[in-house]
Amino acid sequence: MQITNLNTRPEIGANSWFVEIEGRRLLLDVGTHPKLEGKAALPQFDLIEKEEVDAIVISHCHHDHVGALPVAARLFPKAHVLMTELSYFLVERVLHNSVNVMQRQREEKGIADYPLYTHDEVDDYAPRFQGFRYFRPVEWASAYRLRAGLKSPVLEFCDAGHTLGSAGVFVQGDNETLFYTGDVCFHDQTLLRAARFEDVRPDVLIMETTRGGRATPQGYSREAEADRLAEAIRETFEGKGSVLIPTFALGRTQEILALLALLMAEGRLRRQPVYIGGLGRVFTEIYDLQAHRTYRRHHNLQLNEALQLVVADKRRIDAKKIKGGRLYVLTAGMLNENTAAHDLALRIMGEERHSIFFVGYADPETPGGRLKQSKRGEPFFFSETGGEAVRRCRMEEFNFSAHAAREDLLEFVDQVEPRTVVLGHGDKEAVRWFKRKIKARRPETRILVPAPGETVEV
């Protein structure tokens, strides 16, 4: 078995692994790097462009795992494109939105490479996409290999609990097995239940390390964080202010909306409109429509029925006077430029009565990351379009992570007992922490950290 890390940098980025197992070849994820632009954001497809790829397997529909799918489909026309049935309902919407963003960035920033693919290409490749239920064996060898007399290997999608449709991927060869965690969550969220990886026993484990640099605070619980968020919202409203919660459109938006719906149903927050982004609204409808297929809590909670959702796009935000008592859950968890969340944050951060509450990660090099690091009352650089700003509003961070705690991932390695662990999807500090801890607990386990573009033999 050979595994090549196609990420462009040693960090969370253009996530993609090229695996050759017993003569068959597959790509595990084909993401785009969130910090890079143009062709530089793609995985290193040039390293494998002459290979015959049998299958492209998507773990879930976040851009850093699926954003380059049309490019990969173009390069490897014989490859099957496989994902869970829940991801199947999401993927075309995600990719079409990517085209819209790239077209806008081409006009605004002059990025000649954009768009990396077109709406027509997404539509043309969509018939190749196949969705499968969790825990169903799927044959994935290309037709030309079957004609050559090779037996088709199988894979299974295992529920990863990270976002709708997320999966770990179990690959069964004739003599060896591989498991790829993708992004995984081992604790229940407000809607989604924890990952179901109980019966996984592979020879080789490719594991994410996102939270390896962050210990779980002593005494932490999601219930306590929910209580703290509810109290912070109430206090802001009592002070005649409004609340902005920046969120990612897929996953975090729906989890926060579910939490708000429960708090309102319990009388802990007053019932009122919740302003959301248009893409967040689309994914919220899919969450509602696919509730019966999803391993989740609160099966009967339909977010569009439980909440009065109002789509607040950029133009409406710019035109509205920001009154007190409004609750915004807007797409752009890192407050990227040219989004309603970015513009609203710029407008409200200068007033003490308002609040901005972060419920997820924001890269330090983004507007959201810079806002997180700002000091109240002191000027700081917010963004190219926003320029220098002064934060006077209340700002807090709440931990509602959809990634597994590092302690839980260590226990998972002990449970799996793999011969080899391949570490990725984390910054250098996170990877080092896992390497050190796994080595101390399991000295017999081989630990590999392939550099970008490196191939390892396992």
Protein backbone atom coordinates (compact mmCIF):
# COMPACT_ATOMS: atom_id res chain seq x y z
CA MET A 1 0.00 0.00 0.00
CA GLN A 2 1.27 3.48 -0.91
CA ILE A 3 -0.18 6.77 0.33
CA THR A 4 0.64 10.20 -1.10
CA ASN A 5 -0.21 13.44 0.69
CA LEU A 6 -1.49 15.80 -2.04
CA ASN A 7 -2.05 18.74 0.30
CA THR A 8 -0.07 21.82 -0.74
CA ARG A 9 1.05 22.75 2.77
CA PRO A 10 1.68 20.96 6.11
CA GLU A 11 -1.62 22.19 7.61
CA ILE A 12 -5.37 22.03 7.16
CA GLY A 13 -5.80 22.95 3.51
CA ALA A 14 -6.36 21.23 0.17
CA ASN A 15 -7.08 17.89 1.81
CA SER A 16 -6.47 14.98 -0.56
CA TRP A 17 -4.82 11.56 -0.23
CA PHE A 18 -3.85 9.35 -3.17
CA VAL A 19 -3.93 5.68 -2.15
CA GLU A 20 -2.69 2.71 -4.13
CA ILE A 21 -3.83 -0.53 -2.54
CA GLU A 22 -3.04 -3.85 -4.20
CA GLY A 23 -2.99 -2.40 -7.70
CA ARG A 24 -6.10 -0.21 -7.35
CA ARG A 25 -5.95 3.56 -6.96
CA LEU A 26 -8.29 6.01 -5.29
CA LEU A 27 -8.39 9.63 -4.18
CA LEU A 28 -9.67 10.28 -0.67
CA ASP A 29 -11.08 13.83 -0.79
CA VAL A 30 -10.19 16.61 -3.23
CA GLY A 31 -10.39 19.90 -1.33
CA THR A 32 -9.28 23.45 -2.01
CA HIS A 33 -6.99 25.38 0.35
CA PRO A 34 -8.95 28.15 2.14
CA LYS A 35 -5.91 30.45 2.39
CA LEU A 36 -4.78 30.19 -1.23
CA GLU A 37 -6.25 31.46 -4.49
CA GLY A 38 -6.36 30.30 -8.09
CA LYS A 39 -4.64 27.07 -9.08
CA ALA A 40 -2.42 27.31 -6.00
CA ALA A 41 -5.46 26.32 -3.91
CA LEU A 42 -5.73 22.91 -5.61
CA PRO A 43 -4.21 19.64 -4.38
CA GLN A 44 -0.99 18.57 -6.12
CA PHE A 45 -2.77 16.73 -8.91
CA ASP A 46 0.30 17.12 -11.13
CA LEU A 47 1.96 14.34 -9.09
CA ILE A 48 -0.65 11.80 -10.18
CA GLU A 49 -2.13 13.19 -13.40
CA LYS A 50 -0.73 10.25 -15.42
CA GLU A 51 -2.19 7.65 -13.06
CA GLU A 52 -5.34 5.65 -13.75
CA VAL A 53 -7.56 6.58 -10.81
CA ASP A 54 -10.36 4.12 -10.09
CA ALA A 55 -12.42 6.19 -7.67
CA ILE A 56 -12.69 9.64 -6.11
CA VAL A 57 -14.18 9.30 -2.63
CA ILE A 58 -15.63 12.31 -0.79
CA SER A 59 -15.79 12.23 3.02
CA HIS A 60 -18.04 15.32 3.32
CA CYS A 61 -19.01 18.54 1.58
CA HIS A 62 -16.86 21.20 3.24
CA HIS A 63 -14.76 23.05 0.68
CA ASP A 64 -11.41 21.90 2.06
CA HIS A 65 -12.50 18.34 1.24
CA VAL A 66 -14.67 18.70 -1.88
CA GLY A 67 -13.91 22.08 -3.46
CA ALA A 68 -11.71 20.67 -6.26
CA LEU A 69 -14.05 17.82 -7.25
CA PRO A 70 -14.86 19.08 -10.78
CA VAL A 71 -11.14 19.53 -11.48
CA ALA A 72 -10.43 15.96 -10.32
CA ALA A 73 -13.37 14.63 -12.35
CA ARG A 74 -11.95 16.39 -15.42
CA LEU A 75 -8.45 14.96 -14.88
CA PHE A 76 -9.63 11.40 -14.17
CA PRO A 77 -12.61 10.76 -16.46
CA LYS A 78 -12.76 7.01 -15.76
CA ALA A 79 -12.97 7.38 -12.00
CA HIS A 80 -16.14 6.67 -10.08
CA VAL A 81 -17.19 9.57 -7.79
CA LEU A 82 -18.49 8.16 -4.52
CA MET A 83 -19.98 9.77 -1.41
CA THR A 84 -22.76 9.22 1.12
CA GLU A 85 -26.35 9.71 0.02
CA LEU A 86 -26.62 12.73 2.34
CA SER A 87 -23.57 14.34 0.75
CA TYR A 88 -25.14 13.60 -2.62
CA PHE A 89 -28.01 15.96 -1.74
CA LEU A 90 -25.51 18.72 -0.86
CA VAL A 91 -22.59 18.48 -3.25
CA GLU A 92 -23.99 20.21 -6.35
CA ARG A 93 -25.18 23.20 -4.31
CA VAL A 94 -21.77 23.49 -2.67
CA LEU A 95 -19.95 23.38 -6.00
CA HIS A 96 -22.28 25.83 -7.76
CA ASN A 97 -21.79 28.25 -4.88
CA SER A 98 -18.02 27.86 -5.32
CA VAL A 99 -18.36 28.87 -8.97
CA ASN A 100 -20.28 32.00 -7.94
CA VAL A 101 -17.59 32.94 -5.42
CA MET A 102 -14.76 32.35 -7.91
CA GLN A 103 -16.48 34.41 -10.60
CA ARG A 104 -16.89 37.29 -8.17
CA GLN A 105 -13.26 37.06 -7.06
CA ARG A 106 -12.11 37.07 -10.68
CA GLU A 107 -13.90 40.39 -11.17
CA GLU A 108 -12.96 41.96 -7.84
CA LYS A 109 -9.40 40.69 -7.41
CA GLY A 110 -8.41 40.00 -11.00
CA ILE A 111 -7.58 36.32 -10.36
CA ALA A 112 -7.07 35.07 -13.90
CA ASP A 113 -7.29 31.37 -12.92
CA TYR A 114 -10.87 31.73 -11.72
CA PRO A 115 -13.22 30.08 -12.09
CA LEU A 116 -11.35 26.77 -11.80
CA TYR A 117 -14.52 25.15 -13.19
CA THR A 118 -17.87 26.37 -14.48
CA HIS A 119 -21.54 25.83 -13.71
CA ASP A 120 -21.81 23.80 -16.90
CA GLU A 121 -18.98 21.52 -15.78
CA VAL A 122 -20.66 20.90 -12.43
CA ASP A 123 -23.85 19.95 -14.28
CA ASP A 124 -21.94 17.77 -16.75
CA TYR A 125 -20.07 15.83 -14.03
CA ALA A 126 -23.05 15.46 -11.68
CA PRO A 127 -24.36 12.26 -13.37
CA ARG A 128 -21.10 10.57 -12.30
CA PHE A 129 -21.77 11.31 -8.62
CA GLN A 130 -23.07 8.32 -6.68
CA GLY A 131 -24.51 8.43 -3.17
CA PHE A 132 -24.62 5.44 -0.81
CA ARG A 133 -26.07 4.64 2.58
CA TYR A 134 -23.78 4.30 5.56
CA PHE A 135 -22.34 0.82 6.21
CA ARG A 136 -23.17 -0.56 2.76
CA PRO A 137 -20.29 -2.33 0.93
CA VAL A 138 -19.53 -0.50 -2.32
CA GLU A 139 -17.45 -1.90 -5.19
CA TRP A 140 -15.19 0.79 -6.61
CA ALA A 141 -12.78 -0.66 -9.22
CA SER A 142 -13.02 0.92 -12.68
CA ALA A 143 -14.58 -1.09 -15.50
CA TYR A 144 -11.28 -1.50 -17.33
CA ARG A 145 -9.79 -3.23 -14.27
CA LEU A 146 -12.72 -5.61 -14.06
CA ARG A 147 -12.33 -6.46 -17.74
CA ALA A 148 -8.68 -7.26 -17.00
CA GLY A 149 -9.85 -9.87 -14.53
CA LEU A 150 -9.10 -8.00 -11.29
CA LYS A 151 -11.58 -8.41 -8.48
CA SER A 152 -13.22 -5.18 -7.35
CA PRO A 153 -12.34 -4.16 -3.79
CA VAL A 154 -15.03 -2.71 -1.54
CA LEU A 155 -15.34 0.27 0.73
CA GLU A 156 -17.87 1.40 3.34
CA PHE A 157 -18.91 4.83 4.54
CA CYS A 158 -19.09 5.05 8.35
CA ASP A 159 -21.03 7.91 9.97
CA ALA A 160 -18.47 10.50 11.19
CA GLY A 161 -20.88 12.76 13.13
CA HIS A 162 -19.13 15.92 11.86
CA THR A 163 -21.74 17.43 9.55
CA LEU A 164 -24.62 16.16 7.44
CA GLY A 165 -23.34 13.33 5.26
CA SER A 166 -19.85 13.19 6.79
CA ALA A 167 -18.12 9.82 6.74
CA GLY A 168 -15.05 7.89 7.59
CA VAL A 169 -14.07 5.53 4.77
CA PHE A 170 -13.17 1.86 5.32
CA VAL A 171 -11.30 0.30 2.38
CA GLN A 172 -11.03 -3.50 2.20
CA GLY A 173 -8.29 -4.97 0.00
CA ASP A 174 -7.56 -8.63 -0.54
CA ASN A 175 -4.85 -8.63 2.12
CA GLU A 176 -4.88 -5.19 3.74
CA THR A 177 -7.39 -2.71 5.11
CA LEU A 178 -7.37 1.08 5.43
CA PHE A 179 -9.55 3.51 7.36
CA TYR A 180 -9.69 7.26 6.66
CA THR A 181 -11.40 9.24 9.41
CA GLY A 182 -12.09 12.38 7.38
CA ASP A 183 -13.29 14.99 9.85
CA VAL A 184 -14.82 13.21 12.82
CA CYS A 185 -16.77 14.13 15.95
CA PHE A 186 -16.94 11.65 18.84
CA HIS A 187 -19.45 13.64 20.90
CA ASP A 188 -23.11 14.46 20.31
CA GLN A 189 -23.82 17.90 18.91
CA THR A 190 -27.16 19.69 19.23
CA LEU A 191 -28.52 17.83 16.18
CA LEU A 192 -26.02 15.25 14.98
CA ARG A 193 -25.06 12.31 17.12
CA ALA A 194 -21.50 11.12 17.66
CA ALA A 195 -19.55 9.13 15.07
CA ARG A 196 -20.24 5.43 14.63
CA PHE A 197 -16.78 3.94 14.20
CA GLU A 198 -17.18 1.16 16.77
CA ASP A 199 -16.37 -1.84 14.57
CA VAL A 200 -13.46 -0.34 12.63
CA ARG A 201 -10.27 -2.46 12.79
CA PRO A 202 -7.93 -1.47 9.93
CA ASP A 203 -4.28 -2.23 9.34
CA VAL A 204 -3.64 1.40 8.36
CA LEU A 205 -5.37 4.47 9.82
CA ILE A 206 -5.29 7.94 8.19
CA MET A 207 -6.40 10.28 10.96
CA GLU A 208 -7.25 13.96 11.26
CA THR A 209 -5.47 15.96 14.00
CA THR A 210 -7.40 19.27 13.95
CA ARG A 211 -7.64 19.80 17.70
CA GLY A 212 -4.30 18.27 18.64
CA GLY A 213 -2.96 21.64 19.76
CA ARG A 214 -5.88 22.33 22.10
CA ALA A 215 -6.59 20.51 25.33
CA THR A 216 -10.19 20.24 26.44
CA PRO A 217 -10.69 22.72 29.32
CA GLN A 218 -11.26 21.10 32.68
CA GLY A 219 -14.97 20.87 33.46
CA TYR A 220 -16.00 21.72 29.89
CA SER A 221 -19.45 20.69 28.66
CA ARG A 222 -21.55 21.73 25.68
CA GLU A 223 -24.48 22.23 28.02
CA ALA A 224 -22.53 24.82 30.02
CA GLU A 225 -21.48 26.56 26.80
CA ALA A 226 -25.13 26.68 25.71
CA ASP A 227 -26.08 28.23 29.06
CA ARG A 228 -23.32 30.80 28.69
CA LEU A 229 -24.37 31.70 25.14
CA ALA A 230 -28.03 32.08 26.15
CA GLU A 231 -27.08 34.38 29.03
CA ALA A 232 -24.79 36.46 26.79
CA ILE A 233 -27.58 36.93 24.22
CA ARG A 234 -30.06 37.95 26.93
CA GLU A 235 -27.62 40.47 28.40
CA THR A 236 -27.00 42.02 24.98
CA PHE A 237 -30.73 42.39 24.33
CA GLU A 238 -31.26 43.91 27.77
CA GLY A 239 -28.67 46.51 26.81
CA LYS A 240 -30.62 47.33 23.60
CA GLY A 241 -28.00 45.71 21.41
CA SER A 242 -28.01 43.16 18.61
CA VAL A 243 -26.07 39.90 18.31
CA LEU A 244 -24.05 38.63 15.36
CA ILE A 245 -23.04 34.96 15.33
CA PRO A 246 -20.79 34.26 12.30
CA THR A 247 -21.11 30.65 11.17
CA PHE A 248 -20.18 28.30 8.34
CA ALA A 249 -23.16 27.72 6.05
CA LEU A 250 -23.06 23.92 6.25
CA GLY A 251 -23.15 22.32 9.66
CA ARG A 252 -22.44 25.05 12.17
CA THR A 253 -25.38 27.21 11.02
CA GLN A 254 -27.85 24.36 11.51
CA GLU A 255 -26.37 23.33 14.86
CA ILE A 256 -26.64 26.91 16.19
CA LEU A 257 -30.16 27.32 14.80
CA ALA A 258 -31.20 24.09 16.53
CA LEU A 259 -29.74 25.34 19.80
CA LEU A 260 -31.59 28.66 19.46
CA ALA A 261 -34.84 26.83 18.66
CA LEU A 262 -34.51 24.70 21.80
CA LEU A 263 -33.66 27.70 23.97
CA MET A 264 -36.70 29.55 22.64
CA ALA A 265 -38.97 26.53 23.14
CA GLU A 266 -37.76 26.31 26.75
CA GLY A 267 -38.46 30.03 27.30
CA ARG A 268 -34.78 30.79 27.92
CA LEU A 269 -34.71 33.13 24.93
CA ARG A 270 -37.64 35.11 23.64
CA ARG A 271 -39.17 34.07 20.35
CA GLN A 272 -38.10 36.45 17.59
CA PRO A 273 -36.91 36.44 13.97
CA VAL A 274 -33.47 35.01 13.26
CA TYR A 275 -31.66 36.59 10.31
CA ILE A 276 -29.60 34.10 8.32
CA GLY A 277 -27.62 33.95 5.06
CA GLY A 278 -29.11 32.63 1.83
CA LEU A 279 -26.76 29.66 1.52
CA GLY A 280 -27.30 28.82 5.18
CA ARG A 281 -31.03 28.81 4.48
CA VAL A 282 -30.58 26.35 1.57
CA PHE A 283 -28.60 23.90 3.71
CA THR A 284 -31.08 24.32 6.59
CA GLU A 285 -33.89 23.19 4.30
CA ILE A 286 -31.86 20.11 3.32
CA TYR A 287 -31.21 19.33 7.01
CA ASP A 288 -34.99 19.44 7.55
CA LEU A 289 -35.86 17.40 4.46
CA GLN A 290 -33.28 14.70 5.23
CA ALA A 291 -33.92 14.43 8.97
CA HIS A 292 -35.46 10.97 8.51
CA ARG A 293 -32.23 9.67 6.91
CA THR A 294 -29.94 11.18 9.53
CA TYR A 295 -28.55 9.71 12.75
CA ARG A 296 -29.50 12.68 14.89
CA ARG A 297 -31.19 14.00 17.97
CA HIS A 298 -34.52 15.87 17.91
CA HIS A 299 -35.83 14.08 14.80
CA ASN A 300 -39.04 16.09 14.87
CA LEU A 301 -37.29 19.47 15.11
CA GLN A 302 -37.84 21.19 11.77
CA LEU A 303 -35.79 24.37 11.87
CA ASN A 304 -37.85 26.23 9.27
CA GLU A 305 -40.99 25.57 11.32
CA ALA A 306 -39.51 26.11 14.79
CA LEU A 307 -37.87 29.42 13.92
CA GLN A 308 -38.92 32.54 12.06
CA LEU A 309 -36.00 32.62 9.62
CA VAL A 310 -35.39 35.74 7.55
CA VAL A 311 -32.78 35.75 4.77
CA ALA A 312 -30.55 38.80 5.19
CA ASP A 313 -28.31 39.20 2.16
CA LYS A 314 -25.51 41.74 1.80
CA ARG A 315 -27.67 44.39 0.14
CA ARG A 316 -30.36 44.20 2.81
CA ILE A 317 -27.75 44.39 5.57
CA ASP A 318 -26.13 47.45 3.99
CA ALA A 319 -29.49 49.20 3.63
CA LYS A 320 -30.86 48.47 7.08
CA LYS A 321 -30.37 50.54 10.18
CA ILE A 322 -29.06 48.20 12.87
CA LYS A 323 -31.63 48.35 15.64
CA GLY A 324 -31.36 46.67 19.02
CA GLY A 325 -32.69 43.23 19.79
CA ARG A 326 -31.87 41.56 16.47
CA LEU A 327 -30.27 38.15 16.20
CA TYR A 328 -28.08 37.39 13.17
CA VAL A 329 -26.66 33.94 12.33
CA LEU A 330 -24.81 34.80 9.15
CA THR A 331 -22.73 32.75 6.74
CA ALA A 332 -18.96 33.45 6.79
CA GLY A 333 -17.56 31.98 9.99
CA MET A 334 -14.28 33.85 9.42
CA LEU A 335 -16.02 37.09 8.35
CA ASN A 336 -14.55 36.88 4.84
CA GLU A 337 -14.82 40.01 2.74
CA ASN A 338 -17.81 40.65 0.47
CA THR A 339 -20.20 38.83 2.77
CA ALA A 340 -23.11 40.13 4.82
CA ALA A 341 -21.39 38.89 8.00
CA HIS A 342 -18.24 40.92 7.23
CA ASP A 343 -20.18 44.11 6.53
CA LEU A 344 -22.43 43.74 9.55
CA ALA A 345 -19.46 43.11 11.86
CA LEU A 346 -17.81 46.27 10.55
CA ARG A 347 -20.96 48.27 11.24
CA ILE A 348 -21.69 47.03 14.75
CA MET A 349 -18.24 46.53 16.25
CA GLY A 350 -17.89 50.22 17.03
CA GLU A 351 -20.92 50.30 19.36
CA GLU A 352 -20.69 49.02 22.93
CA ARG A 353 -24.29 47.81 23.03
CA HIS A 354 -23.82 45.17 20.33
CA SER A 355 -22.14 41.76 20.56
CA ILE A 356 -20.26 39.43 18.22
CA PHE A 357 -20.13 35.82 19.39
CA PHE A 358 -17.83 33.32 17.65
CA VAL A 359 -18.89 29.66 17.79
CA GLY A 360 -16.10 28.15 15.68
CA TYR A 361 -12.55 28.49 14.47
CA ALA A 362 -11.38 31.64 12.67
CA ASP A 363 -7.95 31.61 11.06
CA PRO A 364 -5.73 34.41 12.50
CA GLU A 365 -5.09 35.75 8.97
CA THR A 366 -8.80 36.32 8.23
CA PRO A 367 -10.96 39.30 9.28
CA GLY A 368 -12.63 37.09 11.88
CA GLY A 369 -9.28 35.97 13.27
CA ARG A 370 -8.02 39.55 13.49
CA LEU A 371 -11.24 40.61 15.22
CA LYS A 372 -10.79 37.79 17.74
CA GLN A 373 -7.29 39.04 18.54
CA SER A 374 -8.33 42.70 18.80
CA LYS A 375 -8.37 44.63 22.06
CA ARG A 376 -11.41 46.64 23.00
CA GLY A 377 -11.00 50.30 22.18
CA GLU A 378 -7.75 49.88 20.21
CA PRO A 379 -7.40 50.27 16.41
CA PHE A 380 -6.60 47.13 14.41
CA PHE A 381 -6.51 46.13 10.75
CA PHE A 382 -9.76 44.35 9.93
CA SER A 383 -9.70 43.73 6.15
CA GLU A 384 -8.66 45.22 2.80
CA THR A 385 -12.13 46.63 2.18
CA GLY A 386 -12.88 47.48 5.81
CA GLY A 387 -9.48 48.98 6.57
CA GLU A 388 -8.62 49.91 10.14
CA ALA A 389 -11.35 49.57 12.74
CA VAL A 390 -11.88 49.93 16.47
CA ARG A 391 -13.81 47.32 18.38
CA ARG A 392 -15.99 48.62 21.18
CA CYS A 393 -18.64 45.90 21.09
CA ARG A 394 -18.70 42.84 23.31
CA MET A 395 -16.94 39.84 21.80
CA GLU A 396 -16.78 36.29 23.14
CA GLU A 397 -15.90 32.82 21.87
CA PHE A 398 -17.97 29.70 22.57
CA ASN A 399 -16.73 26.15 22.03
CA PHE A 400 -19.20 24.18 19.92
CA SER A 401 -16.60 22.30 17.92
CA ALA A 402 -17.67 19.66 15.40
CA HIS A 403 -14.22 18.02 15.58
CA ALA A 404 -13.24 15.29 18.01
CA ALA A 405 -11.33 16.30 21.12
CA ARG A 406 -7.74 15.14 20.98
CA GLU A 407 -8.23 12.88 24.00
CA ASP A 408 -11.06 11.07 22.18
CA LEU A 409 -8.93 10.54 19.08
CA LEU A 410 -6.19 8.98 21.21
CA GLU A 411 -8.71 6.57 22.67
CA PHE A 412 -9.87 5.76 19.14
CA VAL A 413 -6.31 4.77 18.16
CA ASP A 414 -6.19 2.46 21.19
CA GLN A 415 -9.52 0.95 20.14
CA VAL A 416 -8.50 0.45 16.51
CA GLU A 417 -5.01 -0.95 17.21
CA PRO A 418 -3.67 -0.17 13.72
CA ARG A 419 -0.31 -1.35 12.47
CA THR A 420 0.36 2.11 11.02
CA VAL A 421 -1.07 5.57 11.72
CA VAL A 422 -0.79 8.33 9.11
CA LEU A 423 -1.35 11.81 10.55
CA GLY A 424 -2.69 14.82 8.67
CA HIS A 425 -5.33 17.59 8.63
CA GLY A 426 -3.76 19.62 11.41
CA ASP A 427 -1.10 22.23 12.02
CA LYS A 428 2.44 21.23 12.97
CA GLU A 429 1.85 21.58 16.71
CA ALA A 430 -1.27 19.38 16.54
CA VAL A 431 0.50 16.67 14.53
CA ARG A 432 3.52 16.68 16.88
CA TRP A 433 1.24 16.26 19.90
CA PHE A 434 -0.44 13.19 18.41
CA LYS A 435 2.82 11.68 17.24
CA ARG A 436 4.34 12.03 20.70
CA LYS A 437 1.30 10.70 22.56
CA ILE A 438 0.65 7.74 20.26
CA LYS A 439 4.31 6.73 20.41
CA ALA A 440 4.24 6.81 24.22
CA ARG A 441 1.04 4.75 24.44
CA ARG A 442 1.64 2.39 21.54
CA PRO A 443 5.38 1.99 20.84
CA GLU A 444 4.69 -0.90 18.46
CA THR A 445 2.60 1.32 16.13
CA ARG A 446 4.36 2.90 13.18
CA ILE A 447 3.58 6.62 12.89
CA LEU A 448 3.96 8.44 9.57
CA VAL A 449 3.60 12.15 8.82
CA PRO A 450 4.10 12.50 5.06
CA ALA A 451 5.11 15.99 3.95
CA PRO A 452 3.15 17.70 1.16
CA GLY A 453 3.75 15.75 -2.02
CA GLU A 454 5.47 12.85 -0.22
CA THR A 455 4.61 9.21 -0.84
CA VAL A 456 4.98 6.69 1.99
CA GLU A 457 5.02 2.90 1.77
CA VAL A 458 2.86 1.23 4.41
